[in-house]
Amino acid sequence: MGAGQDVNVDARLRVRGVEGLHFADASILPTLPGGNTNAAPIMVGEKASDLILGD
């Protein structure tokens, strides 16, 4: 996830190269969390719900 040319998912969770597809999963994180590994996927899901509902 990020803004560079080598990322597959942008900050709005849109998959590059596929129109209308959003992806919310822990695999989009650029680095693995060092502490609570459950918190990062929960936050990705929260971000996805905010984007879907229009915040």
PDB file of N, CA and C in Angstrom:
ATOM      1  N   MET A   1       0.850  -1.159   0.000  1.00  0.00           N
ATOM      2  CA  MET A   1       0.000   0.000   0.000  1.00  0.00           C
ATOM      3  C   MET A   1       0.899   1.226   0.000  1.00  0.00           C
ATOM      4  N   GLY A   2       0.572   2.179  -0.815  1.00  0.00           N
ATOM      5  CA  GLY A   2       1.369   3.383  -0.855  1.00  0.00           C
ATOM      6  C   GLY A   2       1.101   4.203  -2.087  1.00  0.00           C
ATOM      7  N   ALA A   3       2.087   5.025  -2.454  1.00  0.00           N
ATOM      8  CA  ALA A   3       1.894   5.952  -3.555  1.00  0.00           C
ATOM      9  C   ALA A   3       2.894   5.750  -4.689  1.00  0.00           C
ATOM     10  N   GLY A   4       3.814   4.825  -4.576  1.00  0.00           N
ATOM     11  CA  GLY A   4       4.828   4.630  -5.602  1.00  0.00           C
ATOM     12  C   GLY A   4       4.332   3.830  -6.791  1.00  0.00           C
ATOM     13  N   GLN A   5       5.202   3.664  -7.765  1.00  0.00           N
ATOM     14  CA  GLN A   5       4.867   2.911  -8.972  1.00  0.00           C
ATOM     15  C   GLN A   5       4.892   1.405  -8.731  1.00  0.00           C
ATOM     16  N   ASP A   6       5.546   0.953  -7.686  1.00  0.00           N
ATOM     17  CA  ASP A   6       5.700  -0.480  -7.459  1.00  0.00           C
ATOM     18  C   ASP A   6       4.702  -1.047  -6.450  1.00  0.00           C
ATOM     19  N   VAL A   7       3.673  -0.274  -6.081  1.00  0.00           N
ATOM     20  CA  VAL A   7       2.673  -0.759  -5.132  1.00  0.00           C
ATOM     21  C   VAL A   7       1.441  -1.257  -5.878  1.00  0.00           C
ATOM     22  N   ASN A   8       0.738  -2.194  -5.284  1.00  0.00           N
ATOM     23  CA  ASN A   8      -0.446  -2.765  -5.914  1.00  0.00           C
ATOM     24  C   ASN A   8      -1.739  -2.139  -5.418  1.00  0.00           C
ATOM     25  N   VAL A   9      -1.714  -1.539  -4.228  1.00  0.00           N
ATOM     26  CA  VAL A   9      -2.906  -0.959  -3.625  1.00  0.00           C
ATOM     27  C   VAL A   9      -2.582   0.466  -3.194  1.00  0.00           C
ATOM     28  N   ASP A  10      -3.453   1.428  -3.562  1.00  0.00           N
ATOM     29  CA  ASP A  10      -3.194   2.810  -3.169  1.00  0.00           C
ATOM     30  C   ASP A  10      -3.800   3.096  -1.794  1.00  0.00           C
ATOM     31  N   ALA A  11      -3.735   4.343  -1.352  1.00  0.00           N
ATOM     32  CA  ALA A  11      -4.195   4.716  -0.013  1.00  0.00           C
ATOM     33  C   ALA A  11      -5.711   4.598   0.143  1.00  0.00           C
ATOM     34  N   ARG A  12      -6.434   4.552  -0.956  1.00  0.00           N
ATOM     35  CA  ARG A  12      -7.896   4.371  -0.903  1.00  0.00           C
ATOM     36  C   ARG A  12      -8.276   2.909  -1.121  1.00  0.00           C
ATOM     37  N   LEU A  13      -7.289   2.013  -0.964  1.00  0.00           N
ATOM     38  CA  LEU A  13      -7.470   0.557  -1.052  1.00  0.00           C
ATOM     39  C   LEU A  13      -7.924   0.085  -2.429  1.00  0.00           C
ATOM     40  N   ARG A  14      -7.651   0.880  -3.479  1.00  0.00           N
ATOM     41  CA  ARG A  14      -7.983   0.491  -4.845  1.00  0.00           C
ATOM     42  C   ARG A  14      -6.830  -0.299  -5.442  1.00  0.00           C
ATOM     43  N   VAL A  15      -7.160  -1.391  -6.106  1.00  0.00           N
ATOM     44  CA  VAL A  15      -6.144  -2.218  -6.749  1.00  0.00           C
ATOM     45  C   VAL A  15      -5.769  -1.567  -8.073  1.00  0.00           C
ATOM     46  N   ARG A  16      -4.473  -1.371  -8.282  1.00  0.00           N
ATOM     47  CA  ARG A  16      -4.005  -0.749  -9.520  1.00  0.00           C
ATOM     48  C   ARG A  16      -4.234  -1.683 -10.699  1.00  0.00           C
ATOM     49  N   GLY A  17      -4.760  -1.133 -11.775  1.00  0.00           N
ATOM     50  CA  GLY A  17      -4.959  -1.893 -12.993  1.00  0.00           C
ATOM     51  C   GLY A  17      -6.289  -2.625 -13.079  1.00  0.00           C
ATOM     52  N   VAL A  18      -7.091  -2.590 -12.014  1.00  0.00           N
ATOM     53  CA  VAL A  18      -8.397  -3.254 -12.019  1.00  0.00           C
ATOM     54  C   VAL A  18      -9.428  -2.243 -11.530  1.00  0.00           C
ATOM     55  N   GLU A  19     -10.294  -1.814 -12.418  1.00  0.00           N
ATOM     56  CA  GLU A  19     -11.273  -0.796 -12.071  1.00  0.00           C
ATOM     57  C   GLU A  19     -12.377  -1.377 -11.183  1.00  0.00           C
ATOM     58  N   GLY A  20     -12.715  -0.665 -10.121  1.00  0.00           N
ATOM     59  CA  GLY A  20     -13.809  -1.052  -9.244  1.00  0.00           C
ATOM     60  C   GLY A  20     -13.460  -2.079  -8.186  1.00  0.00           C
ATOM     61  N   LEU A  21     -12.207  -2.466  -8.075  1.00  0.00           N
ATOM     62  CA  LEU A  21     -11.812  -3.465  -7.084  1.00  0.00           C
ATOM     63  C   LEU A  21     -11.034  -2.804  -5.955  1.00  0.00           C
ATOM     64  N   HIS A  22     -11.504  -3.014  -4.736  1.00  0.00           N
ATOM     65  CA  HIS A  22     -10.834  -2.530  -3.537  1.00  0.00           C
ATOM     66  C   HIS A  22     -10.417  -3.746  -2.729  1.00  0.00           C
ATOM     67  N   PHE A  23      -9.305  -3.620  -1.994  1.00  0.00           N
ATOM     68  CA  PHE A  23      -8.761  -4.759  -1.276  1.00  0.00           C
ATOM     69  C   PHE A  23      -8.429  -4.340   0.143  1.00  0.00           C
ATOM     70  N   ALA A  24      -8.997  -5.030   1.120  1.00  0.00           N
ATOM     71  CA  ALA A  24      -8.745  -4.734   2.533  1.00  0.00           C
ATOM     72  C   ALA A  24      -8.286  -6.011   3.216  1.00  0.00           C
ATOM     73  N   ASP A  25      -6.986  -6.142   3.373  1.00  0.00           N
ATOM     74  CA  ASP A  25      -6.405  -7.345   3.945  1.00  0.00           C
ATOM     75  C   ASP A  25      -5.049  -6.967   4.533  1.00  0.00           C
ATOM     76  N   ALA A  26      -4.553  -7.744   5.458  1.00  0.00           N
ATOM     77  CA  ALA A  26      -3.258  -7.452   6.074  1.00  0.00           C
ATOM     78  C   ALA A  26      -2.109  -7.564   5.080  1.00  0.00           C
ATOM     79  N   SER A  27      -2.302  -8.247   3.975  1.00  0.00           N
ATOM     80  CA  SER A  27      -1.221  -8.424   3.002  1.00  0.00           C
ATOM     81  C   SER A  27      -0.874  -7.136   2.265  1.00  0.00           C
ATOM     82  N   ILE A  28      -1.684  -6.091   2.375  1.00  0.00           N
ATOM     83  CA  ILE A  28      -1.367  -4.829   1.704  1.00  0.00           C
ATOM     84  C   ILE A  28      -0.379  -3.989   2.490  1.00  0.00           C
ATOM     85  N   LEU A  29      -0.105  -4.352   3.734  1.00  0.00           N
ATOM     86  CA  LEU A  29       0.814  -3.580   4.569  1.00  0.00           C
ATOM     87  C   LEU A  29       2.250  -3.751   4.086  1.00  0.00           C
ATOM     88  N   PRO A  30       3.000  -2.650   4.002  1.00  0.00           N
ATOM     89  CA  PRO A  30       4.370  -2.740   3.490  1.00  0.00           C
ATOM     90  C   PRO A  30       5.340  -3.471   4.425  1.00  0.00           C
ATOM     91  N   THR A  31       5.096  -3.419   5.728  1.00  0.00           N
ATOM     92  CA  THR A  31       5.934  -4.139   6.690  1.00  0.00           C
ATOM     93  C   THR A  31       5.036  -4.852   7.691  1.00  0.00           C
ATOM     94  N   LEU A  32       5.530  -5.927   8.254  1.00  0.00           N
ATOM     95  CA  LEU A  32       4.756  -6.659   9.245  1.00  0.00           C
ATOM     96  C   LEU A  32       4.784  -5.931  10.579  1.00  0.00           C
ATOM     97  N   PRO A  33       3.649  -5.884  11.288  1.00  0.00           N
ATOM     98  CA  PRO A  33       3.657  -5.227  12.593  1.00  0.00           C
ATOM     99  C   PRO A  33       4.486  -6.020  13.594  1.00  0.00           C
ATOM    100  N   GLY A  34       5.157  -5.323  14.483  1.00  0.00           N
ATOM    101  CA  GLY A  34       6.013  -5.985  15.455  1.00  0.00           C
ATOM    102  C   GLY A  34       5.311  -6.348  16.745  1.00  0.00           C
ATOM    103  N   GLY A  35       4.201  -5.689  17.029  1.00  0.00           N
ATOM    104  CA  GLY A  35       3.504  -5.943  18.285  1.00  0.00           C
ATOM    105  C   GLY A  35       2.268  -6.792  18.074  1.00  0.00           C
ATOM    106  N   ASN A  36       1.132  -6.207  18.305  1.00  0.00           N
ATOM    107  CA  ASN A  36      -0.145  -6.901  18.182  1.00  0.00           C
ATOM    108  C   ASN A  36      -0.462  -7.106  16.703  1.00  0.00           C
ATOM    109  N   THR A  37      -0.329  -8.320  16.222  1.00  0.00           N
ATOM    110  CA  THR A  37      -0.540  -8.590  14.795  1.00  0.00           C
ATOM    111  C   THR A  37      -2.010  -8.549  14.412  1.00  0.00           C
ATOM    112  N   ASN A  38      -2.908  -8.516  15.361  1.00  0.00           N
ATOM    113  CA  ASN A  38      -4.336  -8.436  15.070  1.00  0.00           C
ATOM    114  C   ASN A  38      -4.796  -6.992  14.864  1.00  0.00           C
ATOM    115  N   ALA A  39      -4.096  -6.038  15.448  1.00  0.00           N
ATOM    116  CA  ALA A  39      -4.522  -4.639  15.395  1.00  0.00           C
ATOM    117  C   ALA A  39      -4.419  -4.058  13.991  1.00  0.00           C
ATOM    118  N   ALA A  40      -3.378  -4.371  13.251  1.00  0.00           N
ATOM    119  CA  ALA A  40      -3.193  -3.805  11.917  1.00  0.00           C
ATOM    120  C   ALA A  40      -4.317  -4.214  10.955  1.00  0.00           C
ATOM    121  N   PRO A  41      -4.696  -5.489  10.854  1.00  0.00           N
ATOM    122  CA  PRO A  41      -5.818  -5.836   9.970  1.00  0.00           C
ATOM    123  C   PRO A  41      -7.144  -5.211  10.411  1.00  0.00           C
ATOM    124  N   ILE A  42      -7.328  -5.039  11.713  1.00  0.00           N
ATOM    125  CA  ILE A  42      -8.542  -4.382  12.187  1.00  0.00           C
ATOM    126  C   ILE A  42      -8.578  -2.936  11.712  1.00  0.00           C
ATOM    127  N   MET A  43      -7.448  -2.261  11.770  1.00  0.00           N
ATOM    128  CA  MET A  43      -7.396  -0.868  11.309  1.00  0.00           C
ATOM    129  C   MET A  43      -7.581  -0.757   9.792  1.00  0.00           C
ATOM    130  N   VAL A  44      -7.074  -1.722   9.045  1.00  0.00           N
ATOM    131  CA  VAL A  44      -7.307  -1.741   7.597  1.00  0.00           C
ATOM    132  C   VAL A  44      -8.802  -1.890   7.330  1.00  0.00           C
ATOM    133  N   GLY A  45      -9.464  -2.756   8.082  1.00  0.00           N
ATOM    134  CA  GLY A  45     -10.911  -2.924   7.940  1.00  0.00           C
ATOM    135  C   GLY A  45     -11.681  -1.674   8.315  1.00  0.00           C
ATOM    136  N   GLU A  46     -11.240  -0.980   9.363  1.00  0.00           N
ATOM    137  CA  GLU A  46     -11.871   0.279   9.753  1.00  0.00           C
ATOM    138  C   GLU A  46     -11.730   1.326   8.649  1.00  0.00           C
ATOM    139  N   LYS A  47     -10.544   1.396   8.060  1.00  0.00           N
ATOM    140  CA  LYS A  47     -10.316   2.341   6.963  1.00  0.00           C
ATOM    141  C   LYS A  47     -11.215   1.994   5.771  1.00  0.00           C
ATOM    142  N   ALA A  48     -11.333   0.705   5.467  1.00  0.00           N
ATOM    143  CA  ALA A  48     -12.186   0.275   4.352  1.00  0.00           C
ATOM    144  C   ALA A  48     -13.643   0.647   4.619  1.00  0.00           C
ATOM    145  N   SER A  49     -14.111   0.445   5.833  1.00  0.00           N
ATOM    146  CA  SER A  49     -15.506   0.788   6.145  1.00  0.00           C
ATOM    147  C   SER A  49     -15.734   2.286   6.045  1.00  0.00           C
ATOM    148  N   ASP A  50     -14.759   3.100   6.471  1.00  0.00           N
ATOM    149  CA  ASP A  50     -14.879   4.548   6.318  1.00  0.00           C
ATOM    150  C   ASP A  50     -14.956   4.944   4.850  1.00  0.00           C
ATOM    151  N   LEU A  51     -14.152   4.314   4.021  1.00  0.00           N
ATOM    152  CA  LEU A  51     -14.172   4.626   2.585  1.00  0.00           C
ATOM    153  C   LEU A  51     -15.478   4.193   1.934  1.00  0.00           C
ATOM    154  N   ILE A  52     -16.009   3.050   2.336  1.00  0.00           N
ATOM    155  CA  ILE A  52     -17.247   2.548   1.749  1.00  0.00           C
ATOM    156  C   ILE A  52     -18.443   3.393   2.170  1.00  0.00           C
ATOM    157  N   LEU A  53     -18.484   3.746   3.446  1.00  0.00           N
ATOM    158  CA  LEU A  53     -19.621   4.497   3.956  1.00  0.00           C
ATOM    159  C   LEU A  53     -19.539   5.993   3.647  1.00  0.00           C
ATOM    160  N   GLY A  54     -18.413   6.446   3.176  1.00  0.00           N
ATOM    161  CA  GLY A  54     -18.258   7.846   2.787  1.00  0.00           C
ATOM    162  C   GLY A  54     -17.836   8.769   3.896  1.00  0.00           C
ATOM    163  N   ASP A  55     -17.459   8.206   5.032  1.00  0.00           N
ATOM    164  CA  ASP A  55     -16.952   8.939   6.195  1.00  0.00           C
ATOM    165  C   ASP A  55     -17.783  10.146   6.477  1.00  0.00           C
TER     166      ASP A  55
END
